[in-house]
Amino acid sequence: MKFDEAQINCCIGRNLKRWRLKRSLTLVQVAEVLQVSWQQVQKYESGADRLSAARLYIIKHYLNMPYENFFRV
């Protein structure tokens, strides 16, 4: 099975955004938790930049989001 890194980044970003909005959180609030700018969170959500494993761990706990939900298509 071949994996496309860009598609995976987009999938993670879409699901991050879905859960952020579900929790009625702003880009700024998530950025503060991740210690990045709101613009960086926007890049994660669009799939333009990849979310590191450490930041994925932090945001998973902040949103109370199961890991597998990051990878749902």
N, C-alpha and C. Protein backbone atom coordinates (compact mmCIF):
# COMPACT_ATOMS: atom_id res chain seq x y z
N MET A 1 0.85 -1.18 0.00
CA MET A 1 0.00 0.00 0.00
C MET A 1 0.89 1.24 0.00
N LYS A 2 0.61 2.18 -0.89
CA LYS A 2 1.39 3.40 -1.01
C LYS A 2 0.68 4.53 -0.28
N PHE A 3 1.43 5.28 0.52
CA PHE A 3 0.88 6.41 1.26
C PHE A 3 1.43 7.70 0.69
N ASP A 4 0.56 8.66 0.50
CA ASP A 4 0.95 9.97 0.02
C ASP A 4 0.99 10.92 1.21
N GLU A 5 2.19 11.41 1.53
CA GLU A 5 2.37 12.26 2.71
C GLU A 5 1.49 13.50 2.66
N ALA A 6 1.35 14.11 1.52
CA ALA A 6 0.52 15.32 1.39
C ALA A 6 -0.95 15.01 1.70
N GLN A 7 -1.43 13.87 1.22
CA GLN A 7 -2.82 13.49 1.49
C GLN A 7 -3.04 13.23 2.98
N ILE A 8 -2.07 12.60 3.63
CA ILE A 8 -2.17 12.33 5.06
C ILE A 8 -2.19 13.64 5.83
N ASN A 9 -1.31 14.58 5.47
CA ASN A 9 -1.28 15.89 6.14
C ASN A 9 -2.61 16.62 5.98
N CYS A 10 -3.20 16.54 4.80
CA CYS A 10 -4.50 17.18 4.56
C CYS A 10 -5.59 16.53 5.40
N CYS A 11 -5.56 15.22 5.47
CA CYS A 11 -6.55 14.48 6.26
C CYS A 11 -6.46 14.86 7.74
N ILE A 12 -5.25 14.89 8.28
CA ILE A 12 -5.05 15.27 9.69
C ILE A 12 -5.53 16.70 9.90
N GLY A 13 -5.17 17.60 9.00
CA GLY A 13 -5.57 18.99 9.11
C GLY A 13 -7.08 19.19 9.06
N ARG A 14 -7.74 18.52 8.13
CA ARG A 14 -9.20 18.61 8.04
C ARG A 14 -9.87 18.15 9.33
N ASN A 15 -9.37 17.04 9.87
CA ASN A 15 -9.96 16.51 11.10
C ASN A 15 -9.65 17.38 12.31
N LEU A 16 -8.47 17.98 12.33
CA LEU A 16 -8.15 18.93 13.39
C LEU A 16 -9.14 20.09 13.36
N LYS A 17 -9.36 20.63 12.18
CA LYS A 17 -10.30 21.74 12.04
C LYS A 17 -11.72 21.33 12.43
N ARG A 18 -12.14 20.16 12.01
CA ARG A 18 -13.48 19.66 12.34
C ARG A 18 -13.67 19.60 13.87
N TRP A 19 -12.68 19.05 14.55
CA TRP A 19 -12.79 18.92 16.01
C TRP A 19 -12.66 20.27 16.70
N ARG A 20 -11.82 21.17 16.17
CA ARG A 20 -11.69 22.52 16.75
C ARG A 20 -13.02 23.23 16.67
N LEU A 21 -13.67 23.18 15.52
CA LEU A 21 -14.96 23.85 15.35
C LEU A 21 -16.05 23.19 16.18
N LYS A 22 -15.98 21.87 16.28
CA LYS A 22 -16.95 21.13 17.10
C LYS A 22 -16.88 21.59 18.56
N ARG A 23 -15.68 21.96 19.00
CA ARG A 23 -15.48 22.43 20.37
C ARG A 23 -15.62 23.96 20.50
N SER A 24 -15.99 24.61 19.40
CA SER A 24 -16.16 26.08 19.35
C SER A 24 -14.89 26.81 19.78
N LEU A 25 -13.75 26.32 19.32
CA LEU A 25 -12.47 26.95 19.63
C LEU A 25 -11.99 27.77 18.44
N THR A 26 -11.28 28.83 18.73
CA THR A 26 -10.71 29.68 17.68
C THR A 26 -9.31 29.18 17.32
N LEU A 27 -8.82 29.66 16.20
CA LEU A 27 -7.44 29.38 15.81
C LEU A 27 -6.47 29.88 16.88
N VAL A 28 -6.78 31.02 17.45
CA VAL A 28 -5.91 31.62 18.48
C VAL A 28 -5.84 30.72 19.71
N GLN A 29 -6.96 30.18 20.14
CA GLN A 29 -6.98 29.32 21.32
C GLN A 29 -6.13 28.07 21.10
N VAL A 30 -6.26 27.46 19.95
CA VAL A 30 -5.48 26.26 19.64
C VAL A 30 -4.00 26.64 19.50
N ALA A 31 -3.73 27.78 18.89
CA ALA A 31 -2.35 28.24 18.74
C ALA A 31 -1.67 28.44 20.09
N GLU A 32 -2.39 28.97 21.04
CA GLU A 32 -1.82 29.17 22.38
C GLU A 32 -1.43 27.85 23.01
N VAL A 33 -2.27 26.84 22.86
CA VAL A 33 -1.98 25.52 23.42
C VAL A 33 -0.74 24.92 22.75
N LEU A 34 -0.64 25.07 21.44
CA LEU A 34 0.47 24.50 20.69
C LEU A 34 1.71 25.38 20.71
N GLN A 35 1.58 26.60 21.24
CA GLN A 35 2.67 27.58 21.30
C GLN A 35 3.20 27.91 19.89
N VAL A 36 2.24 28.16 19.00
CA VAL A 36 2.54 28.59 17.63
C VAL A 36 1.60 29.75 17.30
N SER A 37 1.77 30.35 16.15
CA SER A 37 0.87 31.43 15.73
C SER A 37 -0.43 30.84 15.20
N TRP A 38 -1.48 31.67 15.16
CA TRP A 38 -2.75 31.19 14.61
C TRP A 38 -2.58 30.88 13.12
N GLN A 39 -1.66 31.61 12.47
CA GLN A 39 -1.40 31.34 11.05
C GLN A 39 -0.82 29.93 10.86
N GLN A 40 0.01 29.51 11.82
CA GLN A 40 0.59 28.17 11.74
C GLN A 40 -0.50 27.10 11.89
N VAL A 41 -1.43 27.33 12.80
CA VAL A 41 -2.54 26.39 12.97
C VAL A 41 -3.33 26.31 11.67
N GLN A 42 -3.53 27.44 11.04
CA GLN A 42 -4.24 27.48 9.76
C GLN A 42 -3.50 26.64 8.70
N LYS A 43 -2.17 26.69 8.72
CA LYS A 43 -1.38 25.88 7.79
C LYS A 43 -1.52 24.40 8.10
N TYR A 44 -1.57 24.04 9.39
CA TYR A 44 -1.80 22.64 9.77
C TYR A 44 -3.15 22.18 9.25
N GLU A 45 -4.16 23.01 9.45
CA GLU A 45 -5.53 22.64 9.06
C GLU A 45 -5.68 22.51 7.55
N SER A 46 -4.93 23.28 6.80
CA SER A 46 -5.03 23.21 5.34
C SER A 46 -4.16 22.08 4.77
N GLY A 47 -3.28 21.53 5.59
CA GLY A 47 -2.38 20.50 5.12
C GLY A 47 -1.12 21.05 4.49
N ALA A 48 -0.95 22.38 4.52
CA ALA A 48 0.23 23.01 3.94
C ALA A 48 1.49 22.65 4.74
N ASP A 49 1.35 22.53 6.06
CA ASP A 49 2.45 22.11 6.94
C ASP A 49 2.01 20.88 7.70
N ARG A 50 2.98 20.04 8.03
CA ARG A 50 2.63 18.84 8.79
C ARG A 50 2.70 19.12 10.29
N LEU A 51 1.86 18.44 11.00
CA LEU A 51 1.79 18.53 12.46
C LEU A 51 2.77 17.52 13.03
N SER A 52 3.73 17.97 13.86
CA SER A 52 4.71 17.05 14.43
C SER A 52 4.02 16.08 15.38
N ALA A 53 4.70 14.99 15.67
CA ALA A 53 4.16 14.00 16.61
C ALA A 53 3.93 14.62 17.98
N ALA A 54 4.83 15.47 18.42
CA ALA A 54 4.69 16.11 19.73
C ALA A 54 3.45 17.01 19.76
N ARG A 55 3.25 17.79 18.71
CA ARG A 55 2.09 18.67 18.68
C ARG A 55 0.80 17.88 18.50
N LEU A 56 0.87 16.80 17.76
CA LEU A 56 -0.29 15.92 17.61
C LEU A 56 -0.70 15.38 18.99
N TYR A 57 0.26 14.99 19.79
CA TYR A 57 0.02 14.49 21.14
C TYR A 57 -0.64 15.57 22.00
N ILE A 58 -0.11 16.79 21.94
CA ILE A 58 -0.65 17.90 22.74
C ILE A 58 -2.08 18.20 22.35
N ILE A 59 -2.34 18.34 21.05
CA ILE A 59 -3.68 18.72 20.60
C ILE A 59 -4.68 17.59 20.80
N LYS A 60 -4.22 16.36 20.70
CA LYS A 60 -5.09 15.21 20.95
C LYS A 60 -5.65 15.28 22.37
N HIS A 61 -4.80 15.59 23.33
CA HIS A 61 -5.25 15.67 24.72
C HIS A 61 -6.09 16.93 24.97
N TYR A 62 -5.71 18.03 24.36
CA TYR A 62 -6.45 19.27 24.54
C TYR A 62 -7.88 19.15 24.00
N LEU A 63 -8.04 18.53 22.85
CA LEU A 63 -9.36 18.37 22.24
C LEU A 63 -10.08 17.12 22.73
N ASN A 64 -9.38 16.29 23.52
CA ASN A 64 -9.93 15.01 23.97
C ASN A 64 -10.38 14.20 22.76
N MET A 65 -9.45 14.10 21.81
CA MET A 65 -9.73 13.49 20.51
C MET A 65 -8.93 12.21 20.36
N PRO A 66 -9.56 11.08 20.08
CA PRO A 66 -8.81 9.84 19.85
C PRO A 66 -7.89 9.97 18.63
N TYR A 67 -6.71 9.37 18.71
CA TYR A 67 -5.75 9.45 17.60
C TYR A 67 -6.36 9.02 16.28
N GLU A 68 -7.15 7.95 16.31
CA GLU A 68 -7.69 7.44 15.03
C GLU A 68 -8.58 8.45 14.34
N ASN A 69 -9.15 9.39 15.07
CA ASN A 69 -10.01 10.40 14.45
C ASN A 69 -9.21 11.39 13.59
N PHE A 70 -7.91 11.52 13.84
CA PHE A 70 -7.08 12.38 13.00
C PHE A 70 -6.96 11.81 11.59
N PHE A 71 -7.12 10.50 11.47
CA PHE A 71 -6.86 9.83 10.20
C PHE A 71 -8.12 9.38 9.46
N ARG A 72 -9.26 9.82 9.93
CA ARG A 72 -10.52 9.45 9.25
C ARG A 72 -10.65 10.21 7.95
N VAL A 73 -11.06 9.49 6.94
CA VAL A 73 -11.20 10.10 5.60
C VAL A 73 -12.56 10.72 5.45
